[in-house]
C-alpha cells in the first residue's frame, strides 16, 4: 500500500476516469486493487506515479511484494517514462496535488525517507515551498551544504522565521502587556493618583445636596513600565537532532521577548559543548544558521553555565528546553537544578517548546528534576510567555 493519509481528494480536471471515488480508492490501495476499481485516468495515473516515487521505497512494501520502489512519473516529450529526480518530483506534486497534500508529501520525503536532496540540491531549493518541516531539515543538513546552497537554504529559514515572528510576537507581547498594566500602590505620590478607582471606591460617601464626594481613602497605582524590578530569563536549549522544532521556537521566542521592559533575556544552546547565542537574539535567522544540530548532550554542563549568568536568584527564571536524555552526569544535573531552586530561582524544564507541544523525553530524569523543585512540562511559546509574565507580575 501507499500512505493513505497522503492521498488527497481528486483534483478537479486532473482525472479523466468516470468514477473519481474508485480512483481515490485505487490511489490508496495501490496497483493490486486495479482489478476491482478499474484503470486510472491520465491525471490519476500521474498522481499514482508521484506517490509511488516516494512511498514505493517503503521497505515494508518491498517485503510484502506490494510495490516496486523507484517508479517513474510519466514525462511528456519522451519515449515513455524517464528517471525522476527530486526536482522532477517536486514539479510534479506541485502540479498534481493541493497545497496541504504537497506539504505532507515534502515532510514525509525529508523526515520519513531521508531524501536530503530536497534541502541540499540548489535546483530543488529554488523550487521548494518554505515550511517548518523544511526548516528543520535545513538545520539538520546545513553542515553538508556549500556556500551557494547555504544562500538558497537561507531563503527557507528567513521565510519560516518571518512567518513565526508575525504569528507569535502579538501573542507574546499581549501576555506582557497584562503583566505590566498599572497595579495598586501604597505610596501616596501625586503623579500616581488613580482618579477613577478613587471615585469608584468612595461613591458611598457622595453628598447629593452639596454635590460633593468625600474621599475617605485615596487610591494610587504604580508605574510598572519604567519601575519594574529587573528580571532575568535564561533559555538553555538542547540542540540535539530531536529538538529541532524547539530550537526554532526558542530562537523566535527569544527574539519576541528581547527588549521588553524589566526583562533581560539570554539564549544558550548546548550539546556536549555550550554556546552563548545571546548576541544574536535580535536576528533569529542568523542565530539559526549558527546552530549545529546533533552531537552529544551534556545538560548538566549547560545548567552550570546558566547558573553562572544569574545576577539576582529571586528574580531569575531558568528555562531548560531538552528531552532530558542526559549524556553527561545526571547526578550533577540534579544537584545543579536543586541548588538553583534553593537559592530562589524559578527553574522550568520543558520537554518541548513548539506549537504542538508533543514531547518525547526521559520521564525518569525529568521526574528527578521535578523532585528537585523544577517545574517540568511542555509548552507552546505563547504559554511560556504567559508563565514568564505571571512571574514578573508578582
Protein backbone atom coordinates (compact mmCIF):
# COMPACT_ATOMS: atom_id res chain seq x y z
CA UNK A 1 0.00 0.00 0.00
CA UNK A 2 0.91 3.63 -0.35
CA UNK A 3 0.43 6.05 2.54
CA UNK A 4 -3.36 6.63 2.56
CA UNK A 5 -3.09 9.72 4.72
CA UNK A 6 -1.20 11.49 1.93
CA UNK A 7 -3.81 10.82 -0.76
CA UNK A 8 -5.96 13.88 -1.48
CA UNK A 9 -9.44 14.18 -2.81
CA UNK A 10 -9.29 14.07 -6.61
CA UNK A 11 -8.29 17.42 -8.05
CA UNK A 12 -10.92 18.77 -10.47
CA UNK A 13 -9.69 18.38 -14.00
CA UNK A 14 -6.75 16.16 -13.00
CA UNK A 15 -8.52 12.86 -13.68
CA UNK A 16 -10.44 11.56 -16.65
CA UNK A 17 -11.85 8.34 -15.20
CA UNK A 18 -15.62 8.38 -14.77
CA UNK A 19 -15.66 7.37 -11.09
CA UNK A 20 -13.42 9.65 -9.01
CA UNK A 21 -14.31 7.75 -5.83
CA UNK A 22 -12.98 4.47 -7.24
CA UNK A 23 -9.86 6.25 -8.44
CA UNK A 24 -9.19 7.54 -4.97
CA UNK A 25 -9.51 4.03 -3.53
CA UNK A 26 -7.14 2.81 -6.21
CA UNK A 27 -4.62 5.51 -5.19
CA UNK A 28 -4.94 4.44 -1.57
CA UNK A 29 -4.75 0.67 -2.11
CA UNK A 30 -2.18 0.58 -4.91
CA UNK A 31 -2.00 -1.42 -8.13
CA UNK A 32 -3.29 -4.74 -6.66
CA UNK A 33 -6.73 -3.12 -6.34
CA UNK A 34 -6.94 -2.18 -10.00
CA UNK A 35 -8.86 -5.33 -10.94
CA UNK A 36 -11.68 -4.11 -8.71
CA UNK A 37 -11.53 -0.34 -9.23
CA UNK A 38 -10.69 -0.24 -12.91
CA UNK A 39 -7.75 1.54 -14.56
CA UNK A 40 -6.73 5.07 -13.68
CA UNK A 41 -7.23 8.02 -15.96
CA UNK A 42 -4.18 10.00 -17.14
CA UNK A 43 -4.29 12.57 -14.31
CA UNK A 44 -4.77 9.98 -11.57
CA UNK A 45 -2.05 7.81 -13.10
CA UNK A 46 0.38 10.73 -12.77
CA UNK A 47 -0.68 11.17 -9.14
CA UNK A 48 -0.17 7.45 -8.54
CA UNK A 49 3.32 7.54 -10.05
CA UNK A 50 4.28 10.56 -7.90
CA UNK A 51 3.04 8.79 -4.77
CA UNK A 52 4.88 5.61 -5.81
CA UNK A 53 8.14 7.51 -6.32
CA UNK A 54 8.01 8.41 -2.63
CA UNK A 55 6.09 5.66 -0.83
CA UNK A 56 7.25 2.89 -3.15
CA UNK A 57 10.60 2.94 -1.36
CA UNK A 58 8.98 1.80 1.91
CA UNK A 59 10.80 -1.44 2.88
CA UNK A 60 7.60 -2.99 4.25
CA UNK A 61 6.03 -2.82 0.80
CA UNK A 62 9.01 -4.48 -0.79
CA UNK A 63 8.99 -7.33 1.73
CA UNK A 64 5.33 -7.99 1.03
CA UNK A 65 5.80 -7.66 -2.73
CA UNK A 66 3.13 -4.97 -2.93
CA UNK A 67 5.05 -2.42 -4.98
CA UNK A 68 8.39 -1.96 -6.66
CA UNK A 69 10.28 1.08 -5.35
CA UNK A 70 11.66 3.63 -7.77
CA UNK A 71 8.73 4.05 -10.16
CA UNK A 72 8.83 6.93 -12.61
CA UNK A 73 6.30 9.63 -13.22
CA UNK A 74 5.31 9.67 -16.88
CA UNK A 75 7.06 12.64 -18.52
CA UNK A 76 5.93 14.45 -21.60
CA UNK A 77 8.00 14.71 -24.78
CA UNK A 78 9.96 11.47 -24.50
CA UNK A 79 9.86 7.78 -25.27
CA UNK A 80 7.91 6.59 -22.26
CA UNK A 81 8.92 7.14 -18.67
CA UNK A 82 12.27 8.63 -17.71
CA UNK A 83 14.08 8.50 -14.37
CA UNK A 84 12.61 11.01 -11.93
CA UNK A 85 14.85 13.27 -9.88
CA UNK A 86 13.83 15.11 -6.72
CA UNK A 87 13.46 18.26 -8.83
CA UNK A 88 11.09 16.49 -11.26
CA UNK A 89 9.10 15.02 -8.40
CA UNK A 90 8.66 18.41 -6.72
CA UNK A 91 7.46 19.91 -10.00
CA UNK A 92 5.00 17.03 -10.41
CA UNK A 93 3.48 17.17 -6.93
CA UNK A 94 3.07 20.95 -7.17
CA UNK A 95 1.17 20.38 -10.41
CA UNK A 96 -0.89 17.39 -9.28
CA UNK A 97 -1.85 17.96 -5.64
CA UNK A 98 -3.39 20.65 -3.41
CA UNK A 99 -1.19 22.65 -1.02
CA UNK A 100 -1.90 20.68 2.18
CA UNK A 101 -1.03 17.40 0.43
CA UNK A 102 2.16 18.91 -1.02
CA UNK A 103 3.29 19.89 2.48
CA UNK A 104 2.61 16.37 3.74
CA UNK A 105 4.50 14.77 0.85
CA UNK A 106 7.50 17.06 1.33
CA UNK A 107 7.52 16.35 5.06
CA UNK A 108 7.46 12.58 4.50
CA UNK A 109 10.18 12.82 1.86
CA UNK A 110 12.53 14.55 4.27
CA UNK A 111 11.61 13.10 7.66
CA UNK A 112 10.38 9.60 6.81
CA UNK A 113 12.60 8.66 3.88
CA UNK A 114 15.59 10.98 4.35
CA UNK A 115 15.61 12.36 0.81
CA UNK A 116 18.12 15.08 1.64
CA UNK A 117 18.40 16.36 -1.95
CA UNK A 118 15.29 18.38 -1.19
CA UNK A 119 17.35 20.65 1.06
CA UNK A 120 20.86 20.18 -0.35
CA UNK A 121 20.32 20.42 -4.12
CA UNK A 122 20.31 24.05 -5.38
CA UNK A 123 17.85 23.23 -8.17
CA UNK A 124 15.42 21.80 -5.61
CA UNK A 125 15.83 24.63 -3.11
CA UNK A 126 14.87 27.14 -5.80
CA UNK A 127 11.53 25.36 -6.29
CA UNK A 128 10.59 24.11 -2.84
CA UNK A 129 7.90 25.84 -0.78
CA UNK A 130 9.30 27.06 2.59
CA UNK A 131 7.78 25.24 5.58
CA UNK A 132 8.61 24.38 9.16
CA UNK A 133 9.45 20.82 8.08
CA UNK A 134 11.98 22.03 5.53
CA UNK A 135 13.45 24.47 8.05
CA UNK A 136 14.09 21.59 10.44
CA UNK A 137 15.68 19.66 7.58
CA UNK A 138 17.90 22.63 6.70
CA UNK A 139 19.13 22.85 10.28
CA UNK A 140 19.95 19.14 10.29
CA UNK A 141 21.82 19.16 6.97
CA UNK A 142 23.39 22.60 6.60
CA UNK A 143 26.79 21.19 7.58
CA UNK A 144 26.63 19.32 4.24
CA UNK A 145 25.95 22.46 2.22
CA UNK A 146 28.41 24.52 0.24
CA UNK A 147 28.13 28.35 0.37
CA UNK A 148 25.86 28.52 -2.70
CA UNK A 149 23.41 26.02 -1.23
CA UNK A 150 23.52 27.77 2.15
CA UNK A 151 22.48 31.03 0.50
CA UNK A 152 19.48 29.30 -1.06
CA UNK A 153 18.66 27.47 2.18
CA UNK A 154 18.66 30.79 3.99
CA UNK A 155 15.55 31.70 1.98
CA UNK A 156 13.68 28.89 3.74
CA UNK A 157 15.00 29.94 7.15
CA UNK A 158 14.09 33.58 6.56
CA UNK A 159 10.59 32.83 5.24
CA UNK A 160 9.59 30.48 8.05
CA UNK A 161 11.08 32.67 10.78
CA UNK A 162 9.28 35.77 9.47
CA UNK A 163 6.02 33.82 9.48
CA UNK A 164 6.58 32.59 13.04
CA UNK A 165 7.51 36.08 14.25
CA UNK A 166 4.37 37.55 12.67
CA UNK A 167 2.18 34.97 14.40
CA UNK A 168 3.92 34.69 17.77
CA UNK A 169 5.01 38.25 18.52
CA UNK A 170 1.45 39.62 19.10
CA UNK A 171 0.58 36.67 21.38
CA UNK A 172 3.77 37.00 23.41
CA UNK A 173 3.62 40.79 23.71
CA UNK A 174 -0.04 40.54 24.73
CA UNK A 175 0.94 38.37 27.70
CA UNK A 176 3.37 41.00 28.92
CA UNK A 177 1.00 43.90 28.33
CA UNK A 178 -1.22 42.43 31.03
CA UNK A 179 1.68 41.85 33.40
CA UNK A 180 2.81 45.45 33.04
CA UNK A 181 -0.54 47.16 33.47
CA UNK A 182 -0.80 49.59 36.36
CA UNK A 183 -1.05 47.97 39.79
CA UNK A 184 -2.20 49.38 43.16
CA UNK A 185 0.45 51.17 45.20
CA UNK A 186 0.64 52.23 48.84
CA UNK A 187 2.98 55.10 48.04
CA UNK A 188 0.82 58.31 48.08
CA UNK A 189 2.51 60.10 45.18
CA UNK A 190 0.50 62.77 43.38
CA UNK A 191 1.71 61.65 39.96
CA UNK A 192 0.35 58.15 40.68
CA UNK A 193 -3.11 59.26 41.88
CA UNK A 194 -5.77 56.91 40.43
CA UNK A 195 -8.76 59.18 39.89
CA UNK A 196 -11.22 56.59 38.53
CA UNK A 197 -10.51 53.99 41.21
CA UNK A 198 -10.72 56.63 43.95
CA UNK A 199 -14.13 57.85 42.74
CA UNK A 200 -15.43 54.28 42.36
CA UNK A 201 -14.29 53.28 45.86
CA UNK A 202 -15.79 56.34 47.55
CA UNK A 203 -19.18 56.65 45.84
CA UNK A 204 -20.89 55.65 49.11
CA UNK A 205 -19.73 58.99 50.55
CA UNK A 206 -21.28 61.14 47.86
CA UNK A 207 -23.39 64.03 49.29
CA UNK A 208 -26.05 64.90 46.69
CA UNK A 209 -27.25 68.08 48.49
CA UNK A 210 -23.79 69.57 48.37
CA UNK A 211 -22.85 67.74 45.15
CA UNK A 212 -19.64 66.74 46.81
CA UNK A 213 -17.74 63.45 47.12
CA UNK A 214 -15.93 62.85 50.39
CA UNK A 215 -12.70 60.94 49.92
CA UNK A 216 -12.24 58.51 52.76
CA UNK A 217 -9.39 56.67 51.06
CA UNK A 218 -7.38 57.74 48.02
CA UNK A 219 -6.06 55.16 45.59
CA UNK A 220 -2.73 55.20 43.79
CA UNK A 221 -1.12 52.99 41.15
CA UNK A 222 2.48 52.04 40.47
CA UNK A 223 4.12 52.84 37.15
CA UNK A 224 5.38 49.38 36.36
CA UNK A 225 6.56 50.17 32.84
CA UNK A 226 9.66 52.09 33.94
CA UNK A 227 9.99 50.97 37.54
CA UNK A 228 9.88 47.19 37.13
CA UNK A 229 12.47 45.27 39.07
CA UNK A 230 14.84 43.70 36.55
CA UNK A 231 14.23 40.01 35.86
CA UNK A 232 16.43 37.56 34.00
CA UNK A 233 15.16 34.89 31.63
CA UNK A 234 17.84 32.31 30.80
CA UNK A 235 16.87 29.93 27.98
CA UNK A 236 19.05 26.81 27.83
CA UNK A 237 18.24 24.99 24.58
CA UNK A 238 19.27 21.43 23.73
CA UNK A 239 20.41 21.39 20.09
CA UNK A 240 20.41 17.63 19.66
CA UNK A 241 18.75 16.46 16.43
CA UNK A 242 15.42 15.52 18.03
CA UNK A 243 14.97 19.04 19.42
CA UNK A 244 14.95 20.91 16.08
CA UNK A 245 11.41 22.22 16.50
CA UNK A 246 12.14 23.50 19.99
CA UNK A 247 15.37 25.16 18.85
CA UNK A 248 13.47 27.07 16.15
CA UNK A 249 10.75 28.22 18.53
CA UNK A 250 13.28 29.11 21.23
CA UNK A 251 15.09 31.42 18.82
CA UNK A 252 11.86 33.08 17.71
CA UNK A 253 10.52 33.34 21.28
CA UNK A 254 13.76 34.93 22.49
CA UNK A 255 13.56 37.47 19.66
CA UNK A 256 9.98 38.32 20.65
CA UNK A 257 10.95 38.76 24.32
CA UNK A 258 14.08 40.78 23.61
CA UNK A 259 13.84 44.39 24.73
CA UNK A 260 10.72 44.04 26.89
CA UNK A 261 10.87 46.40 29.88
CA UNK A 262 12.11 44.72 33.04
CA UNK A 263 13.31 41.55 31.29
CA UNK A 264 16.88 40.60 30.41
CA UNK A 265 16.91 37.61 28.06
CA UNK A 266 19.75 35.13 27.50
CA UNK A 267 19.78 32.32 24.92
CA UNK A 268 22.26 29.47 25.31
CA UNK A 269 22.46 26.42 23.03
CA UNK A 270 24.18 23.21 24.09
CA UNK A 271 25.07 19.70 23.07
CA UNK A 272 28.29 18.37 24.62
CA UNK A 273 29.51 21.99 24.43
CA UNK A 274 27.80 25.24 25.44
CA UNK A 275 27.42 28.21 23.09
CA UNK A 276 26.03 31.55 24.28
CA UNK A 277 23.92 32.96 21.42
CA UNK A 278 22.56 35.98 23.27
CA UNK A 279 24.34 38.43 20.97
CA UNK A 280 22.36 37.05 18.00
CA UNK A 281 18.91 37.03 19.64
CA UNK A 282 17.73 40.07 17.69
CA UNK A 283 18.39 38.22 14.41
CA UNK A 284 16.82 34.75 14.76
CA UNK A 285 17.65 33.88 11.13
CA UNK A 286 21.37 34.40 11.72
CA UNK A 287 21.06 32.62 15.06
CA UNK A 288 19.52 29.52 13.48
CA UNK A 289 22.18 29.48 10.78
CA UNK A 290 24.75 29.21 13.60
CA UNK A 291 23.00 26.33 15.37
CA UNK A 292 24.50 22.91 14.67
CA UNK A 293 22.07 20.11 15.47
CA UNK A 294 23.40 16.75 16.59
CA UNK A 295 26.31 15.64 18.71
CA UNK A 296 26.30 14.58 22.35
CA UNK A 297 24.23 16.04 25.16
CA UNK A 298 25.65 17.39 28.43
CA UNK A 299 22.66 19.00 30.13
CA UNK A 300 24.45 19.38 33.46
CA UNK A 301 27.19 21.47 31.85
CA UNK A 302 24.59 23.80 30.35
CA UNK A 303 22.79 24.25 33.67
CA UNK A 304 26.06 25.04 35.43
CA UNK A 305 26.79 27.66 32.73
CA UNK A 306 23.30 29.11 33.13
CA UNK A 307 23.74 29.30 36.91
CA UNK A 308 26.83 31.41 36.30
CA UNK A 309 24.70 34.00 34.47
CA UNK A 310 22.33 34.51 37.42
CA UNK A 311 22.53 38.00 38.92
CA UNK A 312 19.59 38.03 41.34
CA UNK A 313 18.37 34.48 42.04
CA UNK A 314 14.91 35.54 43.24
CA UNK A 315 14.42 37.50 40.02
CA UNK A 316 15.61 34.78 37.65
CA UNK A 317 13.77 32.21 35.55
CA UNK A 318 15.91 29.44 34.08
CA UNK A 319 14.16 27.56 31.26
CA UNK A 320 15.80 24.25 30.35
CA UNK A 321 14.49 23.03 26.98
CA UNK A 322 15.60 19.42 26.43
CA UNK A 323 14.43 15.85 26.00
CA UNK A 324 16.21 15.05 29.30
CA UNK A 325 18.30 12.26 27.74
CA UNK A 326 21.47 13.14 29.62
CA UNK A 327 24.77 12.12 28.10
CA UNK A 328 26.74 13.71 30.93
CA UNK A 329 26.48 13.44 34.71
CA UNK A 330 22.82 13.06 35.72
CA UNK A 331 23.67 13.44 39.43
CA UNK A 332 25.46 16.71 38.74
CA UNK A 333 22.43 17.89 36.76
CA UNK A 334 20.02 17.16 39.61
CA UNK A 335 22.35 18.84 42.15
CA UNK A 336 22.69 21.94 39.95
CA UNK A 337 18.93 22.27 39.48
CA UNK A 338 18.33 21.82 43.21
CA UNK A 339 20.94 24.49 44.01
CA UNK A 340 19.22 26.97 41.66
CA UNK A 341 15.85 26.29 43.27
CA UNK A 342 17.20 26.55 46.80
CA UNK A 343 18.76 29.94 46.12
CA UNK A 344 15.39 31.23 44.94
CA UNK A 345 15.47 30.88 41.14
CA UNK A 346 12.50 29.51 39.21
CA UNK A 347 13.56 26.52 37.10
CA UNK A 348 11.29 25.40 34.28
CA UNK A 349 12.10 22.17 32.41
CA UNK A 350 10.42 21.91 29.01
CA UNK A 351 10.40 18.68 27.05
CA UNK A 352 9.08 20.60 24.03
CA UNK A 353 8.65 24.22 23.03
CA UNK A 354 6.67 24.38 19.82
CA UNK A 355 3.13 24.78 18.54
CA UNK A 356 2.27 21.09 19.03
CA UNK A 357 3.96 20.74 22.47
CA UNK A 358 4.08 16.99 21.85
CA UNK A 359 7.17 15.77 23.73
CA UNK A 360 9.28 12.62 23.69
CA UNK A 361 11.57 12.65 26.72
CA UNK A 362 13.25 10.72 29.53
CA UNK A 363 10.48 10.69 32.10
CA UNK A 364 12.63 9.19 34.85
CA UNK A 365 15.20 12.00 34.80
CA UNK A 366 12.50 14.64 34.30
CA UNK A 367 10.79 13.27 37.41
CA UNK A 368 14.01 13.58 39.41
CA UNK A 369 14.33 17.23 38.36
CA UNK A 370 10.71 17.83 39.38
CA UNK A 371 11.51 16.33 42.79
CA UNK A 372 14.44 18.78 42.98
CA UNK A 373 12.00 21.68 42.60
CA UNK A 374 11.81 22.29 38.85
CA UNK A 375 8.51 22.78 37.06
CA UNK A 376 8.51 20.16 34.27
CA UNK A 377 6.20 20.00 31.26
CA UNK A 378 5.78 21.01 27.62
CA UNK A 379 4.54 24.37 26.37
CA UNK A 380 3.75 26.40 23.32
CA UNK A 381 5.77 29.64 23.02
CA UNK A 382 2.69 31.70 23.93
CA UNK A 383 2.15 29.69 27.11
CA UNK A 384 5.81 30.13 28.07
CA UNK A 385 5.37 33.88 27.64
CA UNK A 386 2.32 33.77 29.92
CA UNK A 387 4.29 31.80 32.52
CA UNK A 388 7.12 34.35 32.48
CA UNK A 389 4.69 37.28 32.56
CA UNK A 390 2.92 35.82 35.59
CA UNK A 391 6.22 35.60 37.46
CA UNK A 392 7.18 39.15 36.54
CA UNK A 393 3.77 40.39 37.63
CA UNK A 394 4.20 39.17 41.22
